[in-house]
Amino acid sequence: LLRAAIAVPAVPLAVGAFDVAPAAASSAKF
């Protein structure tokens, strides 16, 4: 169940190191 994915490179890094442009539609109803 609940297989939630969470990704980062092979070393610890800040969240901002990735392109995470928000998808407006994905959060509109949550």
mmCIF file of all heavy atoms, coordinates in Angstrom:
data_MODEL
# 
_entry.id   MODEL 
# 
loop_
_atom_site.group_PDB 
_atom_site.id 
_atom_site.type_symbol 
_atom_site.label_atom_id 
_atom_site.label_alt_id 
_atom_site.label_comp_id 
_atom_site.label_asym_id 
_atom_site.label_entity_id 
_atom_site.label_seq_id 
_atom_site.pdbx_PDB_ins_code 
_atom_site.Cartn_x 
_atom_site.Cartn_y 
_atom_site.Cartn_z 
_atom_site.occupancy 
_atom_site.B_iso_or_equiv 
_atom_site.pdbx_formal_charge 
_atom_site.auth_seq_id 
_atom_site.auth_comp_id 
_atom_site.auth_asym_id 
_atom_site.auth_atom_id 
_atom_site.pdbx_PDB_model_num 
ATOM 1   N N   . LEU A 1 1  ? 0.826   -1.181 0.000   1.00 0.00 ? 1  LEU A N   1 
ATOM 2   C CA  . LEU A 1 1  ? 0.000   0.000  0.000   1.00 0.00 ? 1  LEU A CA  1 
ATOM 3   C C   . LEU A 1 1  ? 0.865   1.236  0.000   1.00 0.00 ? 1  LEU A C   1 
ATOM 4   O O   . LEU A 1 1  ? 2.036   1.185  0.209   1.00 0.00 ? 1  LEU A O   1 
ATOM 5   C CB  . LEU A 1 1  ? -0.829  0.064  1.274   1.00 0.00 ? 1  LEU A CB  1 
ATOM 6   C CG  . LEU A 1 1  ? -1.279  -1.215 1.858   1.00 0.00 ? 1  LEU A CG  1 
ATOM 7   C CD1 . LEU A 1 1  ? -1.648  -0.956 3.283   1.00 0.00 ? 1  LEU A CD1 1 
ATOM 8   C CD2 . LEU A 1 1  ? -2.435  -1.779 1.115   1.00 0.00 ? 1  LEU A CD2 1 
ATOM 9   N N   . LEU A 1 2  ? 0.139   2.328  -0.095  1.00 0.00 ? 2  LEU A N   1 
ATOM 10  C CA  . LEU A 1 2  ? 0.761   3.627  0.057   1.00 0.00 ? 2  LEU A CA  1 
ATOM 11  C C   . LEU A 1 2  ? 2.196   3.698  -0.358  1.00 0.00 ? 2  LEU A C   1 
ATOM 12  O O   . LEU A 1 2  ? 3.050   3.976  0.457   1.00 0.00 ? 2  LEU A O   1 
ATOM 13  C CB  . LEU A 1 2  ? 0.698   4.027  1.500   1.00 0.00 ? 2  LEU A CB  1 
ATOM 14  C CG  . LEU A 1 2  ? -0.449  4.959  1.695   1.00 0.00 ? 2  LEU A CG  1 
ATOM 15  C CD1 . LEU A 1 2  ? -1.722  4.191  1.777   1.00 0.00 ? 2  LEU A CD1 1 
ATOM 16  C CD2 . LEU A 1 2  ? -0.242  5.788  2.875   1.00 0.00 ? 2  LEU A CD2 1 
ATOM 17  N N   . ARG A 1 3  ? 2.506   3.433  -1.587  1.00 0.00 ? 3  ARG A N   1 
ATOM 18  C CA  . ARG A 1 3  ? 3.868   3.520  -2.005  1.00 0.00 ? 3  ARG A CA  1 
ATOM 19  C C   . ARG A 1 3  ? 4.106   4.949  -2.412  1.00 0.00 ? 3  ARG A C   1 
ATOM 20  O O   . ARG A 1 3  ? 3.693   5.339  -3.485  1.00 0.00 ? 3  ARG A O   1 
ATOM 21  C CB  . ARG A 1 3  ? 4.117   2.572  -3.160  1.00 0.00 ? 3  ARG A CB  1 
ATOM 22  C CG  . ARG A 1 3  ? 4.547   1.256  -2.608  1.00 0.00 ? 3  ARG A CG  1 
ATOM 23  C CD  . ARG A 1 3  ? 5.359   1.624  -1.514  1.00 0.00 ? 3  ARG A CD  1 
ATOM 24  N NE  . ARG A 1 3  ? 5.351   0.980  -0.306  1.00 0.00 ? 3  ARG A NE  1 
ATOM 25  C CZ  . ARG A 1 3  ? 5.542   -0.246 -0.040  1.00 0.00 ? 3  ARG A CZ  1 
ATOM 26  N NH1 . ARG A 1 3  ? 5.559   -1.114 -0.939  1.00 0.00 ? 3  ARG A NH1 1 
ATOM 27  N NH2 . ARG A 1 3  ? 5.677   -0.663 1.173   1.00 0.00 ? 3  ARG A NH2 1 
ATOM 28  N N   . ALA A 1 4  ? 4.707   5.734  -1.557  1.00 0.00 ? 4  ALA A N   1 
ATOM 29  C CA  . ALA A 1 4  ? 4.886   7.120  -1.868  1.00 0.00 ? 4  ALA A CA  1 
ATOM 30  C C   . ALA A 1 4  ? 6.305   7.353  -2.287  1.00 0.00 ? 4  ALA A C   1 
ATOM 31  O O   . ALA A 1 4  ? 7.202   6.911  -1.636  1.00 0.00 ? 4  ALA A O   1 
ATOM 32  C CB  . ALA A 1 4  ? 4.580   7.959  -0.671  1.00 0.00 ? 4  ALA A CB  1 
ATOM 33  N N   . ALA A 1 5  ? 6.506   8.061  -3.362  1.00 0.00 ? 5  ALA A N   1 
ATOM 34  C CA  . ALA A 1 5  ? 7.839   8.253  -3.845  1.00 0.00 ? 5  ALA A CA  1 
ATOM 35  C C   . ALA A 1 5  ? 8.426   9.544  -3.366  1.00 0.00 ? 5  ALA A C   1 
ATOM 36  O O   . ALA A 1 5  ? 7.769   10.531 -3.356  1.00 0.00 ? 5  ALA A O   1 
ATOM 37  C CB  . ALA A 1 5  ? 7.802   8.260  -5.349  1.00 0.00 ? 5  ALA A CB  1 
ATOM 38  N N   . ILE A 1 6  ? 9.727   9.502  -3.006  1.00 0.00 ? 6  ILE A N   1 
ATOM 39  C CA  . ILE A 1 6  ? 10.379  10.717 -2.587  1.00 0.00 ? 6  ILE A CA  1 
ATOM 40  C C   . ILE A 1 6  ? 11.791  10.687 -3.100  1.00 0.00 ? 6  ILE A C   1 
ATOM 41  O O   . ILE A 1 6  ? 12.506  9.786  -2.779  1.00 0.00 ? 6  ILE A O   1 
ATOM 42  C CB  . ILE A 1 6  ? 10.403  10.843 -1.097  1.00 0.00 ? 6  ILE A CB  1 
ATOM 43  C CG1 . ILE A 1 6  ? 9.024   10.600 -0.649  1.00 0.00 ? 6  ILE A CG1 1 
ATOM 44  C CG2 . ILE A 1 6  ? 11.042  12.105 -0.663  1.00 0.00 ? 6  ILE A CG2 1 
ATOM 45  C CD1 . ILE A 1 6  ? 8.484   11.368 0.415   1.00 0.00 ? 6  ILE A CD1 1 
ATOM 46  N N   . ALA A 1 7  ? 12.165  11.650 -3.923  1.00 0.00 ? 7  ALA A N   1 
ATOM 47  C CA  . ALA A 1 7  ? 13.424  11.493 -4.580  1.00 0.00 ? 7  ALA A CA  1 
ATOM 48  C C   . ALA A 1 7  ? 14.385  12.620 -4.393  1.00 0.00 ? 7  ALA A C   1 
ATOM 49  O O   . ALA A 1 7  ? 14.015  13.741 -4.227  1.00 0.00 ? 7  ALA A O   1 
ATOM 50  C CB  . ALA A 1 7  ? 13.174  11.332 -6.055  1.00 0.00 ? 7  ALA A CB  1 
ATOM 51  N N   . VAL A 1 8  ? 15.665  12.245 -4.420  1.00 0.00 ? 8  VAL A N   1 
ATOM 52  C CA  . VAL A 1 8  ? 16.747  13.202 -4.323  1.00 0.00 ? 8  VAL A CA  1 
ATOM 53  C C   . VAL A 1 8  ? 17.971  12.509 -4.882  1.00 0.00 ? 8  VAL A C   1 
ATOM 54  O O   . VAL A 1 8  ? 17.994  11.298 -4.948  1.00 0.00 ? 8  VAL A O   1 
ATOM 55  C CB  . VAL A 1 8  ? 17.001  13.615 -2.868  1.00 0.00 ? 8  VAL A CB  1 
ATOM 56  C CG1 . VAL A 1 8  ? 18.029  14.712 -2.773  1.00 0.00 ? 8  VAL A CG1 1 
ATOM 57  C CG2 . VAL A 1 8  ? 15.717  14.051 -2.219  1.00 0.00 ? 8  VAL A CG2 1 
ATOM 58  N N   . PRO A 1 9  ? 19.017  13.240 -5.237  1.00 0.00 ? 9  PRO A N   1 
ATOM 59  C CA  . PRO A 1 9  ? 20.212  12.580 -5.750  1.00 0.00 ? 9  PRO A CA  1 
ATOM 60  C C   . PRO A 1 9  ? 20.874  11.736 -4.694  1.00 0.00 ? 9  PRO A C   1 
ATOM 61  O O   . PRO A 1 9  ? 20.438  11.663 -3.578  1.00 0.00 ? 9  PRO A O   1 
ATOM 62  C CB  . PRO A 1 9  ? 21.105  13.757 -6.155  1.00 0.00 ? 9  PRO A CB  1 
ATOM 63  C CG  . PRO A 1 9  ? 20.203  14.916 -6.239  1.00 0.00 ? 9  PRO A CG  1 
ATOM 64  C CD  . PRO A 1 9  ? 19.033  14.637 -5.375  1.00 0.00 ? 9  PRO A CD  1 
ATOM 65  N N   . ALA A 1 10 ? 21.993  11.138 -5.018  1.00 0.00 ? 10 ALA A N   1 
ATOM 66  C CA  . ALA A 1 10 ? 22.626  10.163 -4.133  1.00 0.00 ? 10 ALA A CA  1 
ATOM 67  C C   . ALA A 1 10 ? 23.244  10.787 -2.913  1.00 0.00 ? 10 ALA A C   1 
ATOM 68  O O   . ALA A 1 10 ? 23.825  10.104 -2.096  1.00 0.00 ? 10 ALA A O   1 
ATOM 69  C CB  . ALA A 1 10 ? 23.681  9.390  -4.904  1.00 0.00 ? 10 ALA A CB  1 
ATOM 70  N N   . VAL A 1 11 ? 23.173  12.089 -2.777  1.00 0.00 ? 11 VAL A N   1 
ATOM 71  C CA  . VAL A 1 11 ? 23.673  12.748 -1.572  1.00 0.00 ? 11 VAL A CA  1 
ATOM 72  C C   . VAL A 1 11 ? 22.580  13.655 -1.058  1.00 0.00 ? 11 VAL A C   1 
ATOM 73  O O   . VAL A 1 11 ? 21.713  14.088 -1.803  1.00 0.00 ? 11 VAL A O   1 
ATOM 74  C CB  . VAL A 1 11 ? 24.946  13.585 -1.875  1.00 0.00 ? 11 VAL A CB  1 
ATOM 75  C CG1 . VAL A 1 11 ? 26.069  12.680 -2.290  1.00 0.00 ? 11 VAL A CG1 1 
ATOM 76  C CG2 . VAL A 1 11 ? 24.663  14.613 -2.959  1.00 0.00 ? 11 VAL A CG2 1 
ATOM 77  N N   . PRO A 1 12 ? 22.597  13.970 0.260   1.00 0.00 ? 12 PRO A N   1 
ATOM 78  C CA  . PRO A 1 12 ? 21.561  14.877 0.776   1.00 0.00 ? 12 PRO A CA  1 
ATOM 79  C C   . PRO A 1 12 ? 21.609  16.208 0.059   1.00 0.00 ? 12 PRO A C   1 
ATOM 80  O O   . PRO A 1 12 ? 22.676  16.740 -0.219  1.00 0.00 ? 12 PRO A O   1 
ATOM 81  C CB  . PRO A 1 12 ? 21.943  15.032 2.258   1.00 0.00 ? 12 PRO A CB  1 
ATOM 82  C CG  . PRO A 1 12 ? 22.824  13.865 2.558   1.00 0.00 ? 12 PRO A CG  1 
ATOM 83  C CD  . PRO A 1 12 ? 23.512  13.521 1.277   1.00 0.00 ? 12 PRO A CD  1 
ATOM 84  N N   . LEU A 1 13 ? 20.462  16.752 -0.253  1.00 0.00 ? 13 LEU A N   1 
ATOM 85  C CA  . LEU A 1 13 ? 20.461  18.055 -0.886  1.00 0.00 ? 13 LEU A CA  1 
ATOM 86  C C   . LEU A 1 13 ? 19.190  18.787 -0.567  1.00 0.00 ? 13 LEU A C   1 
ATOM 87  O O   . LEU A 1 13 ? 18.212  18.219 -0.146  1.00 0.00 ? 13 LEU A O   1 
ATOM 88  C CB  . LEU A 1 13 ? 20.598  17.923 -2.411  1.00 0.00 ? 13 LEU A CB  1 
ATOM 89  C CG  . LEU A 1 13 ? 19.531  17.091 -3.082  1.00 0.00 ? 13 LEU A CG  1 
ATOM 90  C CD1 . LEU A 1 13 ? 18.562  18.033 -3.758  1.00 0.00 ? 13 LEU A CD1 1 
ATOM 91  C CD2 . LEU A 1 13 ? 20.155  16.169 -4.088  1.00 0.00 ? 13 LEU A CD2 1 
ATOM 92  N N   . ALA A 1 14 ? 19.238  20.074 -0.758  1.00 0.00 ? 14 ALA A N   1 
ATOM 93  C CA  . ALA A 1 14 ? 18.075  20.917 -0.478  1.00 0.00 ? 14 ALA A CA  1 
ATOM 94  C C   . ALA A 1 14 ? 17.008  20.661 -1.526  1.00 0.00 ? 14 ALA A C   1 
ATOM 95  O O   . ALA A 1 14 ? 17.295  20.342 -2.673  1.00 0.00 ? 14 ALA A O   1 
ATOM 96  C CB  . ALA A 1 14 ? 18.482  22.388 -0.489  1.00 0.00 ? 14 ALA A CB  1 
ATOM 97  N N   . VAL A 1 15 ? 15.782  20.846 -1.114  1.00 0.00 ? 15 VAL A N   1 
ATOM 98  C CA  . VAL A 1 15 ? 14.663  20.639 -2.027  1.00 0.00 ? 15 VAL A CA  1 
ATOM 99  C C   . VAL A 1 15 ? 14.796  21.517 -3.258  1.00 0.00 ? 15 VAL A C   1 
ATOM 100 O O   . VAL A 1 15 ? 14.484  21.118 -4.365  1.00 0.00 ? 15 VAL A O   1 
ATOM 101 C CB  . VAL A 1 15 ? 13.336  20.928 -1.302  1.00 0.00 ? 15 VAL A CB  1 
ATOM 102 C CG1 . VAL A 1 15 ? 12.184  20.873 -2.280  1.00 0.00 ? 15 VAL A CG1 1 
ATOM 103 C CG2 . VAL A 1 15 ? 13.136  19.929 -0.187  1.00 0.00 ? 15 VAL A CG2 1 
ATOM 104 N N   . GLY A 1 16 ? 15.282  22.697 -3.070  1.00 0.00 ? 16 GLY A N   1 
ATOM 105 C CA  . GLY A 1 16 ? 15.366  23.641 -4.172  1.00 0.00 ? 16 GLY A CA  1 
ATOM 106 C C   . GLY A 1 16 ? 16.313  23.238 -5.272  1.00 0.00 ? 16 GLY A C   1 
ATOM 107 O O   . GLY A 1 16 ? 16.379  23.873 -6.303  1.00 0.00 ? 16 GLY A O   1 
ATOM 108 N N   . ALA A 1 17 ? 17.070  22.151 -5.090  1.00 0.00 ? 17 ALA A N   1 
ATOM 109 C CA  . ALA A 1 17 ? 18.024  21.729 -6.097  1.00 0.00 ? 17 ALA A CA  1 
ATOM 110 C C   . ALA A 1 17 ? 17.341  21.117 -7.313  1.00 0.00 ? 17 ALA A C   1 
ATOM 111 O O   . ALA A 1 17 ? 17.990  20.814 -8.292  1.00 0.00 ? 17 ALA A O   1 
ATOM 112 C CB  . ALA A 1 17 ? 18.995  20.716 -5.503  1.00 0.00 ? 17 ALA A CB  1 
ATOM 113 N N   . PHE A 1 18 ? 16.022  20.901 -7.257  1.00 0.00 ? 18 PHE A N   1 
ATOM 114 C CA  . PHE A 1 18 ? 15.314  20.303 -8.371  1.00 0.00 ? 18 PHE A CA  1 
ATOM 115 C C   . PHE A 1 18 ? 14.334  21.280 -8.972  1.00 0.00 ? 18 PHE A C   1 
ATOM 116 O O   . PHE A 1 18 ? 13.830  22.170 -8.313  1.00 0.00 ? 18 PHE A O   1 
ATOM 117 C CB  . PHE A 1 18 ? 14.560  19.050 -7.920  1.00 0.00 ? 18 PHE A CB  1 
ATOM 118 C CG  . PHE A 1 18 ? 15.488  17.901 -7.651  1.00 0.00 ? 18 PHE A CG  1 
ATOM 119 C CD1 . PHE A 1 18 ? 15.939  17.662 -6.368  1.00 0.00 ? 18 PHE A CD1 1 
ATOM 120 C CD2 . PHE A 1 18 ? 15.925  17.101 -8.681  1.00 0.00 ? 18 PHE A CD2 1 
ATOM 121 C CE1 . PHE A 1 18 ? 16.797  16.620 -6.124  1.00 0.00 ? 18 PHE A CE1 1 
ATOM 122 C CE2 . PHE A 1 18 ? 16.782  16.052 -8.434  1.00 0.00 ? 18 PHE A CE2 1 
ATOM 123 C CZ  . PHE A 1 18 ? 17.220  15.813 -7.156  1.00 0.00 ? 18 PHE A CZ  1 
ATOM 124 N N   . ASP A 1 19 ? 14.023  21.029 -10.229 1.00 0.00 ? 19 ASP A N   1 
ATOM 125 C CA  . ASP A 1 19 ? 12.978  21.799 -10.895 1.00 0.00 ? 19 ASP A CA  1 
ATOM 126 C C   . ASP A 1 19 ? 11.643  21.259 -10.416 1.00 0.00 ? 19 ASP A C   1 
ATOM 127 O O   . ASP A 1 19 ? 11.256  20.152 -10.769 1.00 0.00 ? 19 ASP A O   1 
ATOM 128 C CB  . ASP A 1 19 ? 13.133  21.621 -12.412 1.00 0.00 ? 19 ASP A CB  1 
ATOM 129 C CG  . ASP A 1 19 ? 12.049  22.359 -13.183 1.00 0.00 ? 19 ASP A CG  1 
ATOM 130 O OD1 . ASP A 1 19 ? 11.271  23.078 -12.549 1.00 0.00 ? 19 ASP A OD1 1 
ATOM 131 O OD2 . ASP A 1 19 ? 12.007  22.194 -14.408 1.00 0.00 ? 19 ASP A OD2 1 
ATOM 132 N N   . VAL A 1 20 ? 10.953  22.008 -9.582  1.00 0.00 ? 20 VAL A N   1 
ATOM 133 C CA  . VAL A 1 20 ? 9.693   21.526 -9.018  1.00 0.00 ? 20 VAL A CA  1 
ATOM 134 C C   . VAL A 1 20 ? 8.587   22.546 -9.284  1.00 0.00 ? 20 VAL A C   1 
ATOM 135 O O   . VAL A 1 20 ? 7.857   22.934 -8.398  1.00 0.00 ? 20 VAL A O   1 
ATOM 136 C CB  . VAL A 1 20 ? 9.813   21.259 -7.501  1.00 0.00 ? 20 VAL A CB  1 
ATOM 137 C CG1 . VAL A 1 20 ? 10.690  20.076 -7.261  1.00 0.00 ? 20 VAL A CG1 1 
ATOM 138 C CG2 . VAL A 1 20 ? 10.370  22.487 -6.780  1.00 0.00 ? 20 VAL A CG2 1 
ATOM 139 N N   . ALA A 1 21 ? 8.495   22.969 -10.525 1.00 0.00 ? 21 ALA A N   1 
ATOM 140 C CA  . ALA A 1 21 ? 7.460   23.933 -10.867 1.00 0.00 ? 21 ALA A CA  1 
ATOM 141 C C   . ALA A 1 21 ? 6.103   23.392 -10.467 1.00 0.00 ? 21 ALA A C   1 
ATOM 142 O O   . ALA A 1 21 ? 5.747   22.271 -10.814 1.00 0.00 ? 21 ALA A O   1 
ATOM 143 C CB  . ALA A 1 21 ? 7.483   24.198 -12.375 1.00 0.00 ? 21 ALA A CB  1 
ATOM 144 N N   . PRO A 1 22 ? 5.332   24.142 -9.686  1.00 0.00 ? 22 PRO A N   1 
ATOM 145 C CA  . PRO A 1 22 ? 4.059   23.616 -9.199  1.00 0.00 ? 22 PRO A CA  1 
ATOM 146 C C   . PRO A 1 22 ? 3.052   23.387 -10.312 1.00 0.00 ? 22 PRO A C   1 
ATOM 147 O O   . PRO A 1 22 ? 2.970   24.147 -11.267 1.00 0.00 ? 22 PRO A O   1 
ATOM 148 C CB  . PRO A 1 22 ? 3.569   24.722 -8.253  1.00 0.00 ? 22 PRO A CB  1 
ATOM 149 C CG  . PRO A 1 22 ? 4.253   25.959 -8.719  1.00 0.00 ? 22 PRO A CG  1 
ATOM 150 C CD  . PRO A 1 22 ? 5.583   25.520 -9.253  1.00 0.00 ? 22 PRO A CD  1 
ATOM 151 N N   . ALA A 1 23 ? 2.326   22.284 -10.187 1.00 0.00 ? 23 ALA A N   1 
ATOM 152 C CA  . ALA A 1 23 ? 1.239   21.996 -11.120 1.00 0.00 ? 23 ALA A CA  1 
ATOM 153 C C   . ALA A 1 23 ? -0.056  22.472 -10.485 1.00 0.00 ? 23 ALA A C   1 
ATOM 154 O O   . ALA A 1 23 ? -0.565  21.857 -9.567  1.00 0.00 ? 23 ALA A O   1 
ATOM 155 C CB  . ALA A 1 23 ? 1.170   20.502 -11.414 1.00 0.00 ? 23 ALA A CB  1 
ATOM 156 N N   . ALA A 1 24 ? -0.573  23.593 -10.950 1.00 0.00 ? 24 ALA A N   1 
ATOM 157 C CA  . ALA A 1 24 ? -1.721  24.225 -10.287 1.00 0.00 ? 24 ALA A CA  1 
ATOM 158 C C   . ALA A 1 24 ? -2.911  23.293 -10.200 1.00 0.00 ? 24 ALA A C   1 
ATOM 159 O O   . ALA A 1 24 ? -3.589  23.217 -9.185  1.00 0.00 ? 24 ALA A O   1 
ATOM 160 C CB  . ALA A 1 24 ? -2.106  25.498 -11.040 1.00 0.00 ? 24 ALA A CB  1 
ATOM 161 N N   . ALA A 1 25 ? -3.150  22.527 -11.259 1.00 0.00 ? 25 ALA A N   1 
ATOM 162 C CA  . ALA A 1 25 ? -4.331  21.672 -11.263 1.00 0.00 ? 25 ALA A CA  1 
ATOM 163 C C   . ALA A 1 25 ? -4.240  20.586 -10.212 1.00 0.00 ? 25 ALA A C   1 
ATOM 164 O O   . ALA A 1 25 ? -5.237  20.111 -9.702  1.00 0.00 ? 25 ALA A O   1 
ATOM 165 C CB  . ALA A 1 25 ? -4.506  21.043 -12.642 1.00 0.00 ? 25 ALA A CB  1 
ATOM 166 N N   . SER A 1 26 ? -3.008  20.139 -9.871  1.00 0.00 ? 26 SER A N   1 
ATOM 167 C CA  . SER A 1 26 ? -2.857  19.014 -8.965  1.00 0.00 ? 26 SER A CA  1 
ATOM 168 C C   . SER A 1 26 ? -3.246  19.354 -7.540  1.00 0.00 ? 26 SER A C   1 
ATOM 169 O O   . SER A 1 26 ? -3.510  18.466 -6.750  1.00 0.00 ? 26 SER A O   1 
ATOM 170 C CB  . SER A 1 26 ? -1.406  18.512 -8.989  1.00 0.00 ? 26 SER A CB  1 
ATOM 171 O OG  . SER A 1 26 ? -0.556  19.475 -8.399  1.00 0.00 ? 26 SER A OG  1 
ATOM 172 N N   . SER A 1 27 ? -3.266  20.624 -7.184  1.00 0.00 ? 27 SER A N   1 
ATOM 173 C CA  . SER A 1 27 ? -3.576  20.986 -5.806  1.00 0.00 ? 27 SER A CA  1 
ATOM 174 C C   . SER A 1 27 ? -4.883  21.768 -5.676  1.00 0.00 ? 27 SER A C   1 
ATOM 175 O O   . SER A 1 27 ? -5.261  22.163 -4.592  1.00 0.00 ? 27 SER A O   1 
ATOM 176 C CB  . SER A 1 27 ? -2.431  21.823 -5.211  1.00 0.00 ? 27 SER A CB  1 
ATOM 177 O OG  . SER A 1 27 ? -2.236  22.990 -5.963  1.00 0.00 ? 27 SER A OG  1 
ATOM 178 N N   . ALA A 1 28 ? -5.569  21.963 -6.806  1.00 0.00 ? 28 ALA A N   1 
ATOM 179 C CA  . ALA A 1 28 ? -6.739  22.834 -6.793  1.00 0.00 ? 28 ALA A CA  1 
ATOM 180 C C   . ALA A 1 28 ? -7.835  22.323 -5.874  1.00 0.00 ? 28 ALA A C   1 
ATOM 181 O O   . ALA A 1 28 ? -8.565  23.104 -5.288  1.00 0.00 ? 28 ALA A O   1 
ATOM 182 C CB  . ALA A 1 28 ? -7.280  22.988 -8.210  1.00 0.00 ? 28 ALA A CB  1 
ATOM 183 N N   . LYS A 1 29 ? -7.977  21.012 -5.742  1.00 0.00 ? 29 LYS A N   1 
ATOM 184 C CA  . LYS A 1 29 ? -9.066  20.457 -4.966  1.00 0.00 ? 29 LYS A CA  1 
ATOM 185 C C   . LYS A 1 29 ? -8.578  19.781 -3.693  1.00 0.00 ? 29 LYS A C   1 
ATOM 186 O O   . LYS A 1 29 ? -9.327  19.073 -3.045  1.00 0.00 ? 29 LYS A O   1 
ATOM 187 C CB  . LYS A 1 29 ? -9.854  19.459 -5.814  1.00 0.00 ? 29 LYS A CB  1 
ATOM 188 C CG  . LYS A 1 29 ? -10.562 20.089 -7.011  1.00 0.00 ? 29 LYS A CG  1 
ATOM 189 C CD  . LYS A 1 29 ? -11.384 19.060 -7.775  1.00 0.00 ? 29 LYS A CD  1 
ATOM 190 C CE  . LYS A 1 29 ? -12.112 19.699 -8.940  1.00 0.00 ? 29 LYS A CE  1 
ATOM 191 N NZ  . LYS A 1 29 ? -12.919 18.695 -9.694  1.00 0.00 ? 29 LYS A NZ  1 
ATOM 192 N N   . PHE A 1 30 ? -7.354  20.001 -3.321  1.00 0.00 ? 30 PHE A N   1 
ATOM 193 C CA  . PHE A 1 30 ? -6.807  19.350 -2.139  1.00 0.00 ? 30 PHE A CA  1 
ATOM 194 C C   . PHE A 1 30 ? -6.530  20.393 -1.067  1.00 0.00 ? 30 PHE A C   1 
ATOM 195 O O   . PHE A 1 30 ? -5.879  21.403 -1.325  1.00 0.00 ? 30 PHE A O   1 
ATOM 196 C CB  . PHE A 1 30 ? -5.517  18.597 -2.488  1.00 0.00 ? 30 PHE A CB  1 
ATOM 197 C CG  . PHE A 1 30 ? -4.850  17.988 -1.285  1.00 0.00 ? 30 PHE A CG  1 
ATOM 198 C CD1 . PHE A 1 30 ? -5.449  16.952 -0.601  1.00 0.00 ? 30 PHE A CD1 1 
ATOM 199 C CD2 . PHE A 1 30 ? -3.632  18.478 -0.829  1.00 0.00 ? 30 PHE A CD2 1 
ATOM 200 C CE1 . PHE A 1 30 ? -4.858  16.400 0.520   1.00 0.00 ? 30 PHE A CE1 1 
ATOM 201 C CE2 . PHE A 1 30 ? -3.037  17.930 0.283   1.00 0.00 ? 30 PHE A CE2 1 
ATOM 202 C CZ  . PHE A 1 30 ? -3.644  16.888 0.966   1.00 0.00 ? 30 PHE A CZ  1 
# 
